[in-house]
C-alpha cells in the first residue's frame, strides 16, 4: 500500500485552523463573574469587628470617647504634648468633640497619632485610657 504524501500535504496546507471565539468568550466571562462575586463576598465576611463600620464608643461620665486602634501604636501627641502613657493594647480613646471639630493625623507606618484639639478644649480631656 502506497501513501500519497504530497496529496495529504497539499490538503493540510489548504485547510487553515480556525479558533471559535464564542465559547472562549463565554468561559472567560463566566470565570470573571465568578471571581468578582466570590471576592466581594470574601471582603464582606472579613469585617467581623464592626458590621456598621463605625468605631466602638465608650462612655466615661458625661463624655463619649471613640476607641481608635492602630497596629503598632507607640506615640500619641495632643497639641504638642506627649500622651503616650494613655495607650493600651495598641489603642487610645479619643473624645468625640476632638474627632468632630479637631484634627487627627494617623501615621500607621510610624505608629503615631497627632491630635489638634478644637479652640478652648482642654488637652487632658482630649484622650483617655481605653476601657477594655
N, C-alpha and C. Protein backbone atom coordinates (compact mmCIF):
# COMPACT_ATOMS: atom_id res chain seq x y z
N UNK A 1 0.84 -1.17 0.00
CA UNK A 1 0.00 0.00 0.00
C UNK A 1 0.88 1.23 0.00
N UNK A 2 0.60 2.11 -0.91
CA UNK A 2 1.42 3.30 -1.10
C UNK A 2 0.64 4.50 -0.57
N UNK A 3 1.32 5.31 0.21
CA UNK A 3 0.72 6.54 0.75
C UNK A 3 1.09 7.70 -0.14
N UNK A 4 0.09 8.50 -0.45
CA UNK A 4 0.33 9.68 -1.27
C UNK A 4 0.58 10.87 -0.34
N UNK A 5 1.81 11.05 0.01
CA UNK A 5 2.19 12.08 0.98
C UNK A 5 2.02 13.47 0.39
N UNK A 6 2.31 13.67 -0.82
CA UNK A 6 2.21 15.01 -1.41
C UNK A 6 0.75 15.49 -1.45
N UNK A 7 -0.19 14.59 -1.73
CA UNK A 7 -1.59 14.97 -1.74
C UNK A 7 -2.07 15.33 -0.32
N UNK A 8 -1.64 14.56 0.67
CA UNK A 8 -2.02 14.86 2.06
C UNK A 8 -1.42 16.20 2.48
N UNK A 9 -0.18 16.49 2.11
CA UNK A 9 0.49 17.74 2.44
C UNK A 9 -0.25 18.93 1.82
N UNK A 10 -0.70 18.80 0.60
CA UNK A 10 -1.46 19.87 -0.05
C UNK A 10 -2.80 20.10 0.66
N UNK A 11 -3.43 19.02 1.07
CA UNK A 11 -4.71 19.13 1.77
C UNK A 11 -4.55 19.86 3.11
N UNK A 12 -3.47 19.57 3.82
CA UNK A 12 -3.21 20.21 5.11
C UNK A 12 -2.90 21.69 4.91
N UNK A 13 -2.17 22.04 3.87
CA UNK A 13 -1.82 23.43 3.60
C UNK A 13 -3.05 24.27 3.26
N UNK A 14 -4.02 23.68 2.58
CA UNK A 14 -5.22 24.41 2.19
C UNK A 14 -6.13 24.68 3.39
N UNK A 15 -6.20 23.75 4.29
CA UNK A 15 -7.05 23.92 5.47
C UNK A 15 -6.30 24.73 6.53
N UNK A 16 -6.80 25.91 6.84
CA UNK A 16 -6.19 26.71 7.91
C UNK A 16 -6.99 26.45 9.19
N UNK A 17 -6.30 26.32 10.30
CA UNK A 17 -7.02 26.05 11.55
C UNK A 17 -7.83 27.27 11.97
N UNK A 18 -9.00 27.02 12.51
CA UNK A 18 -9.88 28.11 12.94
C UNK A 18 -10.15 27.95 14.43
N UNK A 19 -10.23 29.07 15.10
CA UNK A 19 -10.49 29.09 16.53
C UNK A 19 -11.83 29.79 16.73
N UNK A 20 -12.78 29.07 17.31
CA UNK A 20 -14.11 29.61 17.54
C UNK A 20 -14.07 30.46 18.82
N UNK A 21 -14.29 31.76 18.70
CA UNK A 21 -14.16 32.70 19.82
C UNK A 21 -15.37 32.71 20.75
N UNK A 22 -16.54 32.32 20.29
CA UNK A 22 -17.76 32.42 21.10
C UNK A 22 -17.67 31.58 22.37
N UNK A 23 -17.34 30.30 22.33
CA UNK A 23 -17.24 29.54 23.58
C UNK A 23 -16.10 30.05 24.47
N UNK A 24 -15.02 30.51 23.85
CA UNK A 24 -13.90 31.05 24.61
C UNK A 24 -14.33 32.28 25.42
N UNK A 25 -15.06 33.19 24.80
CA UNK A 25 -15.54 34.39 25.49
C UNK A 25 -16.53 34.03 26.58
N UNK A 26 -17.40 33.06 26.32
CA UNK A 26 -18.36 32.61 27.34
C UNK A 26 -17.64 32.08 28.58
N UNK A 27 -16.63 31.28 28.39
CA UNK A 27 -15.88 30.70 29.51
C UNK A 27 -15.14 31.79 30.27
N UNK A 28 -14.50 32.73 29.56
CA UNK A 28 -13.75 33.81 30.21
C UNK A 28 -14.68 34.69 31.04
N UNK A 29 -15.83 35.07 30.51
CA UNK A 29 -16.76 35.90 31.26
C UNK A 29 -17.35 35.15 32.46
N UNK A 30 -17.60 33.86 32.32
CA UNK A 30 -18.10 33.08 33.45
C UNK A 30 -17.07 33.05 34.57
N UNK A 31 -15.82 32.84 34.24
CA UNK A 31 -14.76 32.84 35.25
C UNK A 31 -14.62 34.23 35.88
N UNK A 32 -14.70 35.28 35.08
CA UNK A 32 -14.59 36.64 35.58
C UNK A 32 -15.72 36.97 36.56
N UNK A 33 -16.94 36.60 36.20
CA UNK A 33 -18.08 36.85 37.09
C UNK A 33 -17.93 36.06 38.38
N UNK A 34 -17.51 34.82 38.29
CA UNK A 34 -17.30 34.00 39.49
C UNK A 34 -16.27 34.64 40.41
N UNK A 35 -15.15 35.11 39.87
CA UNK A 35 -14.12 35.73 40.70
C UNK A 35 -14.59 37.03 41.33
N UNK A 36 -15.37 37.82 40.59
CA UNK A 36 -15.87 39.08 41.14
C UNK A 36 -16.84 38.84 42.30
N UNK A 37 -17.73 37.87 42.13
CA UNK A 37 -18.72 37.59 43.17
C UNK A 37 -18.06 37.02 44.41
N UNK A 38 -17.16 36.07 44.24
CA UNK A 38 -16.52 35.46 45.41
C UNK A 38 -15.61 36.44 46.12
N UNK A 39 -14.95 37.33 45.42
CA UNK A 39 -14.07 38.28 46.10
C UNK A 39 -14.88 39.31 46.88
N UNK A 40 -16.04 39.74 46.39
CA UNK A 40 -16.84 40.71 47.14
C UNK A 40 -17.46 40.07 48.38
N UNK A 41 -17.87 38.80 48.30
CA UNK A 41 -18.40 38.12 49.48
C UNK A 41 -17.30 37.87 50.49
N UNK A 42 -16.11 37.60 50.04
CA UNK A 42 -14.98 37.39 50.95
C UNK A 42 -14.64 38.64 51.71
N UNK A 43 -14.71 39.80 51.07
CA UNK A 43 -14.43 41.07 51.75
C UNK A 43 -15.49 41.37 52.78
N UNK A 44 -16.73 41.04 52.52
CA UNK A 44 -17.81 41.27 53.48
C UNK A 44 -17.67 40.35 54.69
N UNK A 45 -17.19 39.15 54.49
CA UNK A 45 -17.04 38.21 55.60
C UNK A 45 -15.88 38.57 56.50
N UNK A 46 -14.88 39.34 56.00
CA UNK A 46 -13.72 39.70 56.79
C UNK A 46 -14.01 40.81 57.80
N UNK A 47 -15.13 41.50 57.69
CA UNK A 47 -15.45 42.59 58.58
C UNK A 47 -16.16 42.08 59.83
N UNK A 48 -15.41 41.37 60.66
CA UNK A 48 -16.01 40.79 61.85
C UNK A 48 -16.02 41.75 63.03
N UNK A 49 -15.18 42.79 62.99
CA UNK A 49 -15.10 43.70 64.13
C UNK A 49 -16.36 44.51 64.31
N UNK A 50 -16.77 45.22 63.27
CA UNK A 50 -17.95 46.07 63.39
C UNK A 50 -18.70 46.02 62.07
N UNK A 51 -19.94 45.57 62.12
CA UNK A 51 -20.72 45.42 60.89
C UNK A 51 -21.09 46.77 60.29
N UNK A 52 -21.24 47.81 61.12
CA UNK A 52 -21.66 49.10 60.61
C UNK A 52 -20.48 49.94 60.11
N UNK A 53 -19.26 49.59 60.47
CA UNK A 53 -18.11 50.35 60.06
C UNK A 53 -17.80 51.52 60.99
N UNK A 54 -18.63 51.74 62.01
CA UNK A 54 -18.40 52.83 62.95
C UNK A 54 -17.43 52.38 64.03
N UNK A 55 -16.65 53.32 64.57
CA UNK A 55 -15.75 52.94 65.66
C UNK A 55 -16.52 52.60 66.93
N UNK A 56 -15.89 51.86 67.80
CA UNK A 56 -16.51 51.49 69.06
C UNK A 56 -16.57 52.72 69.97
N UNK A 57 -17.67 52.90 70.67
CA UNK A 57 -17.86 54.04 71.56
C UNK A 57 -17.77 53.56 73.00
N UNK A 58 -17.06 54.32 73.79
CA UNK A 58 -17.01 54.00 75.22
C UNK A 58 -17.41 55.26 75.97
N UNK A 59 -18.25 55.12 76.95
CA UNK A 59 -18.71 56.25 77.74
C UNK A 59 -17.86 56.40 78.98
N UNK A 60 -17.55 57.64 79.31
CA UNK A 60 -16.81 57.94 80.52
C UNK A 60 -17.47 59.15 81.15
N UNK A 61 -18.41 58.92 82.06
CA UNK A 61 -19.15 60.02 82.67
C UNK A 61 -20.12 60.61 81.67
N UNK A 62 -20.05 61.92 81.48
CA UNK A 62 -20.93 62.60 80.53
C UNK A 62 -20.31 62.70 79.15
N UNK A 63 -19.04 62.37 79.00
CA UNK A 63 -18.36 62.47 77.71
C UNK A 63 -18.33 61.12 77.02
N UNK A 64 -18.26 61.15 75.71
CA UNK A 64 -18.10 59.92 74.95
C UNK A 64 -16.76 59.94 74.26
N UNK A 65 -16.14 58.79 74.22
CA UNK A 65 -14.84 58.64 73.59
C UNK A 65 -14.94 57.54 72.54
N UNK A 66 -14.23 57.73 71.44
CA UNK A 66 -14.13 56.71 70.40
C UNK A 66 -12.83 55.95 70.59
N UNK A 67 -12.90 54.65 70.48
CA UNK A 67 -11.72 53.80 70.57
C UNK A 67 -11.05 53.80 69.20
N UNK A 68 -9.79 54.23 69.15
CA UNK A 68 -9.05 54.30 67.89
C UNK A 68 -7.89 53.31 67.96
N UNK A 69 -8.04 52.11 67.38
CA UNK A 69 -6.93 51.16 67.38
C UNK A 69 -6.01 51.39 66.18
N UNK A 70 -4.72 51.33 66.42
CA UNK A 70 -3.71 51.45 65.36
C UNK A 70 -2.67 50.38 65.63
N UNK A 71 -2.39 49.56 64.63
CA UNK A 71 -1.41 48.49 64.79
C UNK A 71 -0.03 49.09 65.06
N UNK A 72 0.59 48.67 66.14
CA UNK A 72 1.92 49.16 66.48
C UNK A 72 1.94 50.59 66.99
N UNK A 73 0.87 51.03 67.63
CA UNK A 73 0.79 52.41 68.14
C UNK A 73 1.80 52.60 69.27
N UNK A 74 2.69 53.62 69.09
CA UNK A 74 3.73 53.88 70.07
C UNK A 74 3.65 55.28 70.66
N UNK A 75 3.13 56.23 69.86
CA UNK A 75 3.18 57.62 70.30
C UNK A 75 1.88 58.35 69.97
N UNK A 76 1.37 59.10 70.97
CA UNK A 76 0.20 59.95 70.78
C UNK A 76 0.57 61.34 71.26
N UNK A 77 0.37 62.32 70.38
CA UNK A 77 0.68 63.71 70.71
C UNK A 77 -0.59 64.53 70.58
N UNK A 78 -0.92 65.30 71.65
CA UNK A 78 -2.09 66.18 71.64
C UNK A 78 -1.58 67.61 71.82
N UNK A 79 -1.77 68.44 70.80
CA UNK A 79 -1.30 69.83 70.81
C UNK A 79 0.17 69.93 71.22
N UNK A 80 0.99 69.01 70.74
CA UNK A 80 2.41 69.01 71.04
C UNK A 80 2.78 68.35 72.35
N UNK A 81 1.82 67.92 73.14
CA UNK A 81 2.05 67.28 74.43
C UNK A 81 2.00 65.76 74.26
N UNK A 82 3.00 65.06 74.77
CA UNK A 82 3.07 63.61 74.64
C UNK A 82 2.06 62.95 75.58
N UNK A 83 1.15 62.16 75.02
CA UNK A 83 0.13 61.45 75.80
C UNK A 83 0.25 59.94 75.57
N UNK A 84 1.45 59.46 75.33
CA UNK A 84 1.68 58.05 75.02
C UNK A 84 1.38 57.13 76.18
N UNK A 85 1.35 57.66 77.41
CA UNK A 85 1.07 56.82 78.57
C UNK A 85 -0.39 56.34 78.59
N UNK A 86 -1.25 56.94 77.76
CA UNK A 86 -2.67 56.55 77.69
C UNK A 86 -2.92 55.37 76.75
N UNK A 87 -1.92 54.92 76.04
CA UNK A 87 -2.07 53.83 75.06
C UNK A 87 -2.20 52.50 75.80
N UNK A 88 -3.21 51.70 75.41
CA UNK A 88 -3.39 50.36 75.95
C UNK A 88 -3.70 49.42 74.80
N UNK A 89 -2.92 48.36 74.66
CA UNK A 89 -3.12 47.33 73.62
C UNK A 89 -3.22 47.92 72.22
N UNK A 90 -2.39 48.90 71.92
CA UNK A 90 -2.36 49.49 70.58
C UNK A 90 -3.57 50.34 70.26
N UNK A 91 -4.25 50.87 71.29
CA UNK A 91 -5.43 51.70 71.05
C UNK A 91 -5.45 52.86 72.04
N UNK A 92 -6.20 53.90 71.67
CA UNK A 92 -6.40 55.05 72.55
C UNK A 92 -7.83 55.53 72.38
N UNK A 93 -8.41 56.09 73.43
CA UNK A 93 -9.78 56.61 73.38
C UNK A 93 -9.70 58.12 73.13
N UNK A 94 -10.37 58.59 72.06
CA UNK A 94 -10.33 60.00 71.67
C UNK A 94 -11.73 60.57 71.83
N UNK A 95 -11.81 61.77 72.40
CA UNK A 95 -13.09 62.43 72.67
C UNK A 95 -13.81 62.74 71.35
N UNK A 96 -15.15 62.63 71.38
CA UNK A 96 -15.94 62.86 70.16
C UNK A 96 -15.81 64.28 69.64
N UNK A 97 -15.70 65.27 70.53
CA UNK A 97 -15.56 66.66 70.07
C UNK A 97 -14.24 66.86 69.34
N UNK A 98 -13.21 66.16 69.78
CA UNK A 98 -11.91 66.25 69.11
C UNK A 98 -12.00 65.65 67.71
N UNK A 99 -12.71 64.52 67.58
CA UNK A 99 -12.86 63.89 66.27
C UNK A 99 -13.72 64.75 65.35
N UNK A 100 -14.81 65.33 65.89
CA UNK A 100 -15.73 66.11 65.07
C UNK A 100 -15.17 67.48 64.68
N UNK A 101 -14.54 68.17 65.63
CA UNK A 101 -14.15 69.55 65.38
C UNK A 101 -12.64 69.76 65.31
N UNK A 102 -11.87 68.83 65.82
CA UNK A 102 -10.42 68.96 65.81
C UNK A 102 -9.81 68.28 64.60
N UNK A 103 -8.53 68.00 64.72
CA UNK A 103 -7.81 67.35 63.62
C UNK A 103 -7.03 66.18 64.20
N UNK A 104 -7.07 65.05 63.49
CA UNK A 104 -6.37 63.86 63.94
C UNK A 104 -5.63 63.26 62.75
N UNK A 105 -4.32 63.17 62.86
CA UNK A 105 -3.48 62.59 61.81
C UNK A 105 -2.95 61.26 62.33
N UNK A 106 -3.24 60.19 61.59
CA UNK A 106 -2.78 58.86 61.97
C UNK A 106 -1.69 58.44 61.01
N UNK A 107 -0.51 58.22 61.54
CA UNK A 107 0.63 57.73 60.74
C UNK A 107 0.89 56.29 61.17
N UNK A 108 0.23 55.38 60.50
CA UNK A 108 0.29 53.98 60.91
C UNK A 108 1.67 53.37 60.69
N UNK A 109 2.41 53.84 59.69
CA UNK A 109 3.75 53.30 59.45
C UNK A 109 4.69 53.64 60.60
N UNK A 110 4.51 54.83 61.19
CA UNK A 110 5.35 55.24 62.32
C UNK A 110 4.75 54.85 63.66
N UNK A 111 3.51 54.38 63.68
CA UNK A 111 2.83 54.06 64.92
C UNK A 111 2.55 55.30 65.74
N UNK A 112 2.05 56.35 65.07
CA UNK A 112 1.92 57.65 65.71
C UNK A 112 0.57 58.28 65.38
N UNK A 113 -0.02 58.97 66.36
CA UNK A 113 -1.23 59.76 66.16
C UNK A 113 -0.93 61.17 66.64
N UNK A 114 -1.23 62.15 65.78
CA UNK A 114 -1.05 63.56 66.13
C UNK A 114 -2.43 64.20 66.16
N UNK A 115 -2.79 64.76 67.32
CA UNK A 115 -4.13 65.33 67.52
C UNK A 115 -4.01 66.82 67.79
N UNK A 116 -4.89 67.58 67.13
CA UNK A 116 -5.03 69.01 67.41
C UNK A 116 -6.45 69.21 67.89
N UNK A 117 -6.61 69.73 69.11
CA UNK A 117 -7.94 69.90 69.70
C UNK A 117 -8.60 71.17 69.17
N UNK A 118 -9.94 71.25 69.28
CA UNK A 118 -10.62 72.48 68.91
C UNK A 118 -10.24 73.63 69.86
N UNK A 119 -10.49 74.82 69.42
CA UNK A 119 -10.16 76.01 70.21
C UNK A 119 -10.81 75.94 71.60
N UNK A 120 -10.02 76.09 72.66
CA UNK A 120 -10.52 76.12 74.02
C UNK A 120 -10.79 74.76 74.64
N UNK A 121 -10.55 73.67 73.95
CA UNK A 121 -10.79 72.34 74.50
C UNK A 121 -9.57 71.92 75.32
N UNK A 122 -9.77 71.43 76.56
CA UNK A 122 -8.62 71.06 77.40
C UNK A 122 -7.90 69.82 76.87
N UNK A 123 -6.58 69.88 76.91
CA UNK A 123 -5.74 68.80 76.38
C UNK A 123 -5.93 67.52 77.19
N UNK A 124 -6.11 67.65 78.51
CA UNK A 124 -6.21 66.45 79.35
C UNK A 124 -7.51 65.68 79.15
N UNK A 125 -8.51 66.28 78.49
CA UNK A 125 -9.76 65.56 78.21
C UNK A 125 -9.85 65.07 76.77
N UNK A 126 -8.87 65.39 75.95
CA UNK A 126 -8.90 65.01 74.54
C UNK A 126 -8.77 63.50 74.36
N UNK A 127 -7.92 62.88 75.16
CA UNK A 127 -7.72 61.42 75.09
C UNK A 127 -7.78 60.84 76.49
N UNK A 128 -8.07 59.55 76.54
CA UNK A 128 -8.09 58.84 77.82
C UNK A 128 -7.67 57.40 77.58
N UNK A 129 -7.46 56.68 78.67
CA UNK A 129 -7.09 55.27 78.59
C UNK A 129 -8.33 54.47 78.21
N UNK A 130 -8.23 53.61 77.19
CA UNK A 130 -9.41 52.82 76.78
C UNK A 130 -9.82 51.82 77.86
N UNK A 131 -11.11 51.66 78.05
CA UNK A 131 -11.64 50.63 78.95
C UNK A 131 -11.85 49.37 78.15
N UNK A 132 -11.02 48.35 78.37
CA UNK A 132 -11.17 47.12 77.59
C UNK A 132 -11.34 45.93 78.49
